[in-house]
């Protein structure tokens, strides 16, 4: 049986929203008679869950920034022409 990538992607998205027994029940029904599909989906789901933990650990917390209130510098380029264009 040839894998259908679109169907697998849809099943993965649906299964990723579920956890525990609900996910197992969903996979039982969706993959009935196709153990290769079940194995691929379980591998994808395991990798997905593992990557969420890695991403959560590597994303730094928000760091406040400093706002500098500097006066606007005069725009010395106003009036300059670049080829057929004139900077306003």
PDB file of N, CA and C in Angstrom:
ATOM      1  N   UNK A   1       0.850  -1.174   0.000  1.00  0.00           N
ATOM      2  CA  UNK A   1       0.000   0.000   0.000  1.00  0.00           C
ATOM      3  C   UNK A   1       0.899   1.241   0.000  1.00  0.00           C
ATOM      4  N   UNK A   2       0.673   2.172  -0.921  1.00  0.00           N
ATOM      5  CA  UNK A   2       1.474   3.381  -1.045  1.00  0.00           C
ATOM      6  C   UNK A   2       1.019   4.415  -0.026  1.00  0.00           C
ATOM      7  N   UNK A   3       1.965   5.013   0.731  1.00  0.00           N
ATOM      8  CA  UNK A   3       1.585   6.025   1.708  1.00  0.00           C
ATOM      9  C   UNK A   3       1.028   7.275   1.012  1.00  0.00           C
ATOM     10  N   UNK A   4       0.012   7.865   1.604  1.00  0.00           N
ATOM     11  CA  UNK A   4      -0.567   9.110   1.110  1.00  0.00           C
ATOM     12  C   UNK A   4      -0.105  10.229   2.048  1.00  0.00           C
ATOM     13  N   UNK A   5       0.831  11.072   1.600  1.00  0.00           N
ATOM     14  CA  UNK A   5       1.389  12.105   2.479  1.00  0.00           C
ATOM     15  C   UNK A   5       0.344  13.070   3.028  1.00  0.00           C
ATOM     16  N   UNK A   6      -0.641  13.414   2.230  1.00  0.00           N
ATOM     17  CA  UNK A   6      -1.666  14.345   2.706  1.00  0.00           C
ATOM     18  C   UNK A   6      -2.512  13.725   3.816  1.00  0.00           C
ATOM     19  N   UNK A   7      -2.845  12.449   3.637  1.00  0.00           N
ATOM     20  CA  UNK A   7      -3.639  11.762   4.662  1.00  0.00           C
ATOM     21  C   UNK A   7      -2.823  11.620   5.943  1.00  0.00           C
ATOM     22  N   UNK A   8      -1.542  11.250   5.786  1.00  0.00           N
ATOM     23  CA  UNK A   8      -0.683  11.121   6.963  1.00  0.00           C
ATOM     24  C   UNK A   8      -0.536  12.446   7.688  1.00  0.00           C
ATOM     25  N   UNK A   9      -0.395  13.536   6.948  1.00  0.00           N
ATOM     26  CA  UNK A   9      -0.265  14.858   7.561  1.00  0.00           C
ATOM     27  C   UNK A   9      -1.539  15.218   8.319  1.00  0.00           C
ATOM     28  N   UNK A  10      -2.689  14.927   7.737  1.00  0.00           N
ATOM     29  CA  UNK A  10      -3.960  15.222   8.398  1.00  0.00           C
ATOM     30  C   UNK A  10      -4.126  14.386   9.663  1.00  0.00           C
ATOM     31  N   UNK A  11      -3.784  13.103   9.568  1.00  0.00           N
ATOM     32  CA  UNK A  11      -3.886  12.240  10.745  1.00  0.00           C
ATOM     33  C   UNK A  11      -2.910  12.674  11.833  1.00  0.00           C
ATOM     34  N   UNK A  12      -1.697  13.083  11.433  1.00  0.00           N
ATOM     35  CA  UNK A  12      -0.720  13.559  12.401  1.00  0.00           C
ATOM     36  C   UNK A  12      -1.244  14.791  13.120  1.00  0.00           C
ATOM     37  N   UNK A  13      -1.774  15.755  12.363  1.00  0.00           N
ATOM     38  CA  UNK A  13      -2.301  16.980  12.977  1.00  0.00           C
ATOM     39  C   UNK A  13      -3.429  16.660  13.962  1.00  0.00           C
ATOM     40  N   UNK A  14      -4.310  15.761  13.586  1.00  0.00           N
ATOM     41  CA  UNK A  14      -5.418  15.394  14.472  1.00  0.00           C
ATOM     42  C   UNK A  14      -4.910  14.677  15.713  1.00  0.00           C
ATOM     43  N   UNK A  15      -3.976  13.744  15.533  1.00  0.00           N
ATOM     44  CA  UNK A  15      -3.462  12.972  16.667  1.00  0.00           C
ATOM     45  C   UNK A  15      -2.623  13.848  17.600  1.00  0.00           C
ATOM     46  N   UNK A  16      -1.932  14.846  17.054  1.00  0.00           N
ATOM     47  CA  UNK A  16      -1.093  15.719  17.882  1.00  0.00           C
ATOM     48  C   UNK A  16      -1.929  16.535  18.860  1.00  0.00           C
ATOM     49  N   UNK A  17      -3.205  16.731  18.553  1.00  0.00           N
ATOM     50  CA  UNK A  17      -4.095  17.481  19.438  1.00  0.00           C
ATOM     51  C   UNK A  17      -4.590  16.634  20.612  1.00  0.00           C
ATOM     52  N   UNK A  18      -4.396  15.332  20.523  1.00  0.00           N
ATOM     53  CA  UNK A  18      -4.896  14.408  21.543  1.00  0.00           C
ATOM     54  C   UNK A  18      -3.750  13.903  22.413  1.00  0.00           C
ATOM     55  N   UNK A  19      -4.090  13.391  23.579  1.00  0.00           N
ATOM     56  CA  UNK A  19      -3.090  12.805  24.468  1.00  0.00           C
ATOM     57  C   UNK A  19      -3.625  11.501  25.061  1.00  0.00           C
ATOM     58  N   UNK A  20      -2.698  10.688  25.528  1.00  0.00           N
ATOM     59  CA  UNK A  20      -3.017   9.473  26.274  1.00  0.00           C
ATOM     60  C   UNK A  20      -3.955   8.520  25.558  1.00  0.00           C
ATOM     61  N   UNK A  21      -4.970   8.034  26.295  1.00  0.00           N
ATOM     62  CA  UNK A  21      -5.889   7.036  25.735  1.00  0.00           C
ATOM     63  C   UNK A  21      -6.686   7.559  24.535  1.00  0.00           C
ATOM     64  N   UNK A  22      -6.983   8.846  24.514  1.00  0.00           N
ATOM     65  CA  UNK A  22      -7.741   9.405  23.391  1.00  0.00           C
ATOM     66  C   UNK A  22      -6.920   9.310  22.106  1.00  0.00           C
ATOM     67  N   UNK A  23      -5.619   9.569  22.205  1.00  0.00           N
ATOM     68  CA  UNK A  23      -4.745   9.462  21.029  1.00  0.00           C
ATOM     69  C   UNK A  23      -4.650   8.010  20.567  1.00  0.00           C
ATOM     70  N   UNK A  24      -4.485   7.093  21.511  1.00  0.00           N
ATOM     71  CA  UNK A  24      -4.372   5.677  21.165  1.00  0.00           C
ATOM     72  C   UNK A  24      -5.647   5.184  20.480  1.00  0.00           C
ATOM     73  N   UNK A  25      -6.803   5.581  20.993  1.00  0.00           N
ATOM     74  CA  UNK A  25      -8.075   5.189  20.394  1.00  0.00           C
ATOM     75  C   UNK A  25      -8.207   5.759  18.982  1.00  0.00           C
ATOM     76  N   UNK A  26      -7.811   7.026  18.817  1.00  0.00           N
ATOM     77  CA  UNK A  26      -7.863   7.646  17.496  1.00  0.00           C
ATOM     78  C   UNK A  26      -6.963   6.898  16.511  1.00  0.00           C
ATOM     79  N   UNK A  27      -5.731   6.597  16.930  1.00  0.00           N
ATOM     80  CA  UNK A  27      -4.796   5.893  16.053  1.00  0.00           C
ATOM     81  C   UNK A  27      -5.281   4.486  15.729  1.00  0.00           C
ATOM     82  N   UNK A  28      -5.918   3.818  16.701  1.00  0.00           N
ATOM     83  CA  UNK A  28      -6.473   2.478  16.445  1.00  0.00           C
ATOM     84  C   UNK A  28      -7.484   2.534  15.302  1.00  0.00           C
ATOM     85  N   UNK A  29      -8.356   3.521  15.349  1.00  0.00           N
ATOM     86  CA  UNK A  29      -9.382   3.639  14.316  1.00  0.00           C
ATOM     87  C   UNK A  29      -8.829   4.114  12.980  1.00  0.00           C
ATOM     88  N   UNK A  30      -7.932   5.093  13.029  1.00  0.00           N
ATOM     89  CA  UNK A  30      -7.405   5.680  11.790  1.00  0.00           C
ATOM     90  C   UNK A  30      -6.460   4.739  11.066  1.00  0.00           C
ATOM     91  N   UNK A  31      -5.754   3.893  11.806  1.00  0.00           N
ATOM     92  CA  UNK A  31      -4.736   3.020  11.204  1.00  0.00           C
ATOM     93  C   UNK A  31      -5.158   1.563  11.161  1.00  0.00           C
ATOM     94  N   UNK A  32      -6.429   1.291  11.347  1.00  0.00           N
ATOM     95  CA  UNK A  32      -6.920  -0.082  11.378  1.00  0.00           C
ATOM     96  C   UNK A  32      -6.492  -0.821  10.115  1.00  0.00           C
ATOM     97  N   UNK A  33      -5.765  -1.908  10.288  1.00  0.00           N
ATOM     98  CA  UNK A  33      -5.328  -2.716   9.157  1.00  0.00           C
ATOM     99  C   UNK A  33      -4.095  -2.179   8.448  1.00  0.00           C
ATOM    100  N   UNK A  34      -3.467  -1.144   8.995  1.00  0.00           N
ATOM    101  CA  UNK A  34      -2.279  -0.578   8.366  1.00  0.00           C
ATOM    102  C   UNK A  34      -1.221  -0.302   9.440  1.00  0.00           C
ATOM    103  N   UNK A  35      -0.526  -1.351   9.886  1.00  0.00           N
ATOM    104  CA  UNK A  35       0.459  -1.163  10.958  1.00  0.00           C
ATOM    105  C   UNK A  35       1.634  -0.268  10.552  1.00  0.00           C
ATOM    106  N   UNK A  36       1.971  -0.202   9.268  1.00  0.00           N
ATOM    107  CA  UNK A  36       3.068   0.668   8.824  1.00  0.00           C
ATOM    108  C   UNK A  36       2.687   2.138   9.024  1.00  0.00           C
ATOM    109  N   UNK A  37       1.436   2.472   8.737  1.00  0.00           N
ATOM    110  CA  UNK A  37       0.956   3.841   8.954  1.00  0.00           C
ATOM    111  C   UNK A  37       0.989   4.177  10.436  1.00  0.00           C
ATOM    112  N   UNK A  38       0.536   3.258  11.248  1.00  0.00           N
ATOM    113  CA  UNK A  38       0.536   3.474  12.702  1.00  0.00           C
ATOM    114  C   UNK A  38       1.955   3.713  13.199  1.00  0.00           C
ATOM    115  N   UNK A  39       2.903   2.924  12.712  1.00  0.00           N
ATOM    116  CA  UNK A  39       4.289   3.058  13.137  1.00  0.00           C
ATOM    117  C   UNK A  39       4.851   4.421  12.716  1.00  0.00           C
ATOM    118  N   UNK A  40       4.564   4.865  11.488  1.00  0.00           N
ATOM    119  CA  UNK A  40       5.055   6.162  11.020  1.00  0.00           C
ATOM    120  C   UNK A  40       4.461   7.299  11.839  1.00  0.00           C
ATOM    121  N   UNK A  41       3.162   7.222  12.115  1.00  0.00           N
ATOM    122  CA  UNK A  41       2.513   8.278  12.893  1.00  0.00           C
ATOM    123  C   UNK A  41       3.051   8.327  14.322  1.00  0.00           C
ATOM    124  N   UNK A  42       3.250   7.173  14.933  1.00  0.00           N
ATOM    125  CA  UNK A  42       3.788   7.159  16.290  1.00  0.00           C
ATOM    126  C   UNK A  42       5.210   7.723  16.329  1.00  0.00           C
ATOM    127  N   UNK A  43       6.002   7.430  15.306  1.00  0.00           N
ATOM    128  CA  UNK A  43       7.358   7.982  15.247  1.00  0.00           C
ATOM    129  C   UNK A  43       7.321   9.500  15.086  1.00  0.00           C
ATOM    130  N   UNK A  44       6.424   9.989  14.232  1.00  0.00           N
ATOM    131  CA  UNK A  44       6.289  11.433  14.048  1.00  0.00           C
ATOM    132  C   UNK A  44       5.820  12.119  15.335  1.00  0.00           C
ATOM    133  N   UNK A  45       4.857  11.505  15.997  1.00  0.00           N
ATOM    134  CA  UNK A  45       4.338  12.090  17.233  1.00  0.00           C
ATOM    135  C   UNK A  45       5.404  12.107  18.327  1.00  0.00           C
ATOM    136  N   UNK A  46       6.194  11.047  18.419  1.00  0.00           N
ATOM    137  CA  UNK A  46       7.266  11.007  19.418  1.00  0.00           C
ATOM    138  C   UNK A  46       8.307  12.083  19.131  1.00  0.00           C
ATOM    139  N   UNK A  47       8.672  12.237  17.865  1.00  0.00           N
ATOM    140  CA  UNK A  47       9.651  13.267  17.495  1.00  0.00           C
ATOM    141  C   UNK A  47       9.089  14.653  17.760  1.00  0.00           C
ATOM    142  N   UNK A  48       7.809  14.831  17.492  1.00  0.00           N
ATOM    143  CA  UNK A  48       7.156  16.124  17.725  1.00  0.00           C
ATOM    144  C   UNK A  48       7.165  16.481  19.215  1.00  0.00           C
ATOM    145  N   UNK A  49       6.825  15.525  20.045  1.00  0.00           N
ATOM    146  CA  UNK A  49       6.813  15.786  21.491  1.00  0.00           C
ATOM    147  C   UNK A  49       8.219  16.058  22.015  1.00  0.00           C
ATOM    148  N   UNK A  50       9.195  15.349  21.495  1.00  0.00           N
ATOM    149  CA  UNK A  50      10.575  15.559  21.923  1.00  0.00           C
ATOM    150  C   UNK A  50      11.063  16.936  21.482  1.00  0.00           C
ATOM    151  N   UNK A  51      10.702  17.374  20.284  1.00  0.00           N
ATOM    152  CA  UNK A  51      11.160  18.669  19.785  1.00  0.00           C
ATOM    153  C   UNK A  51      10.520  19.811  20.562  1.00  0.00           C
ATOM    154  N   UNK A  52       9.296  19.643  21.038  1.00  0.00           N
ATOM    155  CA  UNK A  52       8.659  20.695  21.828  1.00  0.00           C
ATOM    156  C   UNK A  52       9.443  20.947  23.103  1.00  0.00           C
ATOM    157  N   UNK A  53       9.948  19.898  23.718  1.00  0.00           N
ATOM    158  CA  UNK A  53      10.747  20.061  24.935  1.00  0.00           C
ATOM    159  C   UNK A  53      12.061  20.759  24.655  1.00  0.00           C
ATOM    160  N   UNK A  54      12.684  20.426  23.539  1.00  0.00           N
ATOM    161  CA  UNK A  54      13.948  21.056  23.173  1.00  0.00           C
ATOM    162  C   UNK A  54      13.735  22.530  22.889  1.00  0.00           C
ATOM    163  N   UNK A  55      12.683  22.852  22.142  1.00  0.00           N
ATOM    164  CA  UNK A  55      12.428  24.247  21.800  1.00  0.00           C
ATOM    165  C   UNK A  55      12.085  25.073  23.032  1.00  0.00           C
ATOM    166  N   UNK A  56      11.346  24.494  23.946  1.00  0.00           N
ATOM    167  CA  UNK A  56      10.979  25.229  25.149  1.00  0.00           C
ATOM    168  C   UNK A  56      12.207  25.558  25.986  1.00  0.00           C
ATOM    169  N   UNK A  57      13.210  24.687  25.955  1.00  0.00           N
ATOM    170  CA  UNK A  57      14.406  24.919  26.751  1.00  0.00           C
ATOM    171  C   UNK A  57      15.353  25.924  26.101  1.00  0.00           C
ATOM    172  N   UNK A  58      15.363  26.010  24.776  1.00  0.00           N
ATOM    173  CA  UNK A  58      16.330  26.856  24.099  1.00  0.00           C
ATOM    174  C   UNK A  58      15.831  28.268  23.825  1.00  0.00           C
ATOM    175  N   UNK A  59      14.540  28.512  23.945  1.00  0.00           N
ATOM    176  CA  UNK A  59      14.016  29.842  23.684  1.00  0.00           C
ATOM    177  C   UNK A  59      14.283  30.709  24.911  1.00  0.00           C
ATOM    178  N   UNK A  60      15.054  31.780  24.745  1.00  0.00           N
ATOM    179  CA  UNK A  60      15.340  32.632  25.895  1.00  0.00           C
ATOM    180  C   UNK A  60      14.107  33.439  26.302  1.00  0.00           C
ATOM    181  N   UNK A  61      14.086  33.814  27.548  1.00  0.00           N
ATOM    182  CA  UNK A  61      12.998  34.641  28.048  1.00  0.00           C
ATOM    183  C   UNK A  61      13.117  36.034  27.434  1.00  0.00           C
ATOM    184  N   UNK A  62      12.012  36.732  27.367  1.00  0.00           N
ATOM    185  CA  UNK A  62      12.023  38.080  26.797  1.00  0.00           C
ATOM    186  C   UNK A  62      12.891  38.994  27.654  1.00  0.00           C
ATOM    187  N   UNK A  63      13.709  39.772  26.999  1.00  0.00           N
ATOM    188  CA  UNK A  63      14.598  40.700  27.683  1.00  0.00           C
ATOM    189  C   UNK A  63      14.106  42.106  27.397  1.00  0.00           C
ATOM    190  N   UNK A  64      13.899  42.917  28.436  1.00  0.00           N
ATOM    191  CA  UNK A  64      13.440  44.278  28.187  1.00  0.00           C
ATOM    192  C   UNK A  64      14.477  45.065  27.399  1.00  0.00           C
ATOM    193  N   UNK A  65      13.999  45.942  26.565  1.00  0.00           N
ATOM    194  CA  UNK A  65      14.900  46.772  25.775  1.00  0.00           C
ATOM    195  C   UNK A  65      14.928  48.186  26.344  1.00  0.00           C
ATOM    196  N   UNK A  66      15.926  48.917  25.951  1.00  0.00           N
ATOM    197  CA  UNK A  66      16.077  50.299  26.416  1.00  0.00           C
ATOM    198  C   UNK A  66      15.636  51.216  25.284  1.00  0.00           C
ATOM    199  N   UNK A  67      14.817  52.186  25.613  1.00  0.00           N
ATOM    200  CA  UNK A  67      14.378  53.162  24.623  1.00  0.00           C
ATOM    201  C   UNK A  67      15.201  54.431  24.809  1.00  0.00           C
ATOM    202  N   UNK A  68      15.833  54.839  23.745  1.00  0.00           N
ATOM    203  CA  UNK A  68      16.629  56.057  23.776  1.00  0.00           C
ATOM    204  C   UNK A  68      15.822  57.190  23.159  1.00  0.00           C
ATOM    205  N   UNK A  69      15.664  58.261  23.891  1.00  0.00           N
ATOM    206  CA  UNK A  69      14.946  59.424  23.375  1.00  0.00           C
ATOM    207  C   UNK A  69      15.958  60.426  22.842  1.00  0.00           C
ATOM    208  N   UNK A  70      16.396  60.179  21.622  1.00  0.00           N
ATOM    209  CA  UNK A  70      17.362  61.062  20.990  1.00  0.00           C
ATOM    210  C   UNK A  70      16.629  62.021  20.067  1.00  0.00           C
ATOM    211  N   UNK A  71      17.121  63.257  19.963  1.00  0.00           N
ATOM    212  CA  UNK A  71      16.476  64.182  19.027  1.00  0.00           C
ATOM    213  C   UNK A  71      16.674  63.695  17.596  1.00  0.00           C
ATOM    214  N   UNK A  72      15.704  63.987  16.760  1.00  0.00           N
ATOM    215  CA  UNK A  72      15.806  63.584  15.361  1.00  0.00           C
ATOM    216  C   UNK A  72      16.954  64.318  14.691  1.00  0.00           C
ATOM    217  N   UNK A  73      17.781  63.572  14.030  1.00  0.00           N
ATOM    218  CA  UNK A  73      18.903  64.163  13.312  1.00  0.00           C
ATOM    219  C   UNK A  73      18.392  64.732  11.996  1.00  0.00           C
ATOM    220  N   UNK A  74      18.964  65.846  11.542  1.00  0.00           N
ATOM    221  CA  UNK A  74      18.530  66.392  10.255  1.00  0.00           C
ATOM    222  C   UNK A  74      18.868  65.415   9.137  1.00  0.00           C
ATOM    223  N   UNK A  75      17.975  65.281   8.198  1.00  0.00           N
ATOM    224  CA  UNK A  75      18.190  64.359   7.101  1.00  0.00           C
ATOM    225  C   UNK A  75      18.976  65.066   6.008  1.00  0.00           C
ATOM    226  N   UNK A  76      20.226  64.774   5.939  1.00  0.00           N
ATOM    227  CA  UNK A  76      21.108  65.447   4.997  1.00  0.00           C
ATOM    228  C   UNK A  76      20.919  64.941   3.576  1.00  0.00           C
ATOM    229  N   UNK A  77      20.203  63.825   3.405  1.00  0.00           N
ATOM    230  CA  UNK A  77      20.037  63.263   2.074  1.00  0.00           C
ATOM    231  C   UNK A  77      18.849  63.860   1.329  1.00  0.00           C
ATOM    232  N   UNK A  78      18.007  64.643   2.021  1.00  0.00           N
ATOM    233  CA  UNK A  78      16.841  65.235   1.364  1.00  0.00           C
ATOM    234  C   UNK A  78      17.318  66.161   0.250  1.00  0.00           C
ATOM    235  N   UNK A  79      16.722  66.016  -0.916  1.00  0.00           N
ATOM    236  CA  UNK A  79      17.080  66.830  -2.062  1.00  0.00           C
ATOM    237  C   UNK A  79      18.141  66.203  -2.945  1.00  0.00           C
ATOM    238  N   UNK A  80      18.769  65.140  -2.470  1.00  0.00           N
ATOM    239  CA  UNK A  80      19.784  64.463  -3.259  1.00  0.00           C
ATOM    240  C   UNK A  80      19.111  63.703  -4.406  1.00  0.00           C
ATOM    241  N   UNK A  81      19.720  63.712  -5.542  1.00  0.00           N
ATOM    242  CA  UNK A  81      19.198  62.949  -6.661  1.00  0.00           C
ATOM    243  C   UNK A  81      20.045  61.697  -6.878  1.00  0.00           C
ATOM    244  N   UNK A  82      19.343  60.631  -7.136  1.00  0.00           N
ATOM    245  CA  UNK A  82      19.967  59.339  -7.439  1.00  0.00           C
ATOM    246  C   UNK A  82      19.450  58.923  -8.801  1.00  0.00           C
ATOM    247  N   UNK A  83      20.254  59.148  -9.804  1.00  0.00           N
ATOM    248  CA  UNK A  83      19.795  58.850 -11.163  1.00  0.00           C
ATOM    249  C   UNK A  83      18.657  59.773 -11.512  1.00  0.00           C
ATOM    250  N   UNK A  84      17.511  59.199 -11.851  1.00  0.00           N
ATOM    251  CA  UNK A  84      16.341  60.035 -12.176  1.00  0.00           C
ATOM    252  C   UNK A  84      15.423  60.266 -10.978  1.00  0.00           C
ATOM    253  N   UNK A  85      15.847  59.801  -9.781  1.00  0.00           N
ATOM    254  CA  UNK A  85      15.035  59.931  -8.569  1.00  0.00           C
ATOM    255  C   UNK A  85      15.576  61.030  -7.678  1.00  0.00           C
ATOM    256  N   UNK A  86      14.662  61.766  -7.008  1.00  0.00           N
ATOM    257  CA  UNK A  86      15.061  62.800  -6.071  1.00  0.00           C
ATOM    258  C   UNK A  86      14.477  62.441  -4.703  1.00  0.00           C
ATOM    259  N   UNK A  87      15.347  62.420  -3.687  1.00  0.00           N
ATOM    260  CA  UNK A  87      14.900  62.081  -2.337  1.00  0.00           C
ATOM    261  C   UNK A  87      14.123  63.246  -1.738  1.00  0.00           C
ATOM    262  N   UNK A  88      12.952  62.937  -1.248  1.00  0.00           N
ATOM    263  CA  UNK A  88      12.129  63.957  -0.621  1.00  0.00           C
ATOM    264  C   UNK A  88      12.235  63.811   0.853  1.00  0.00           C
TER     265      UNK A  88
END
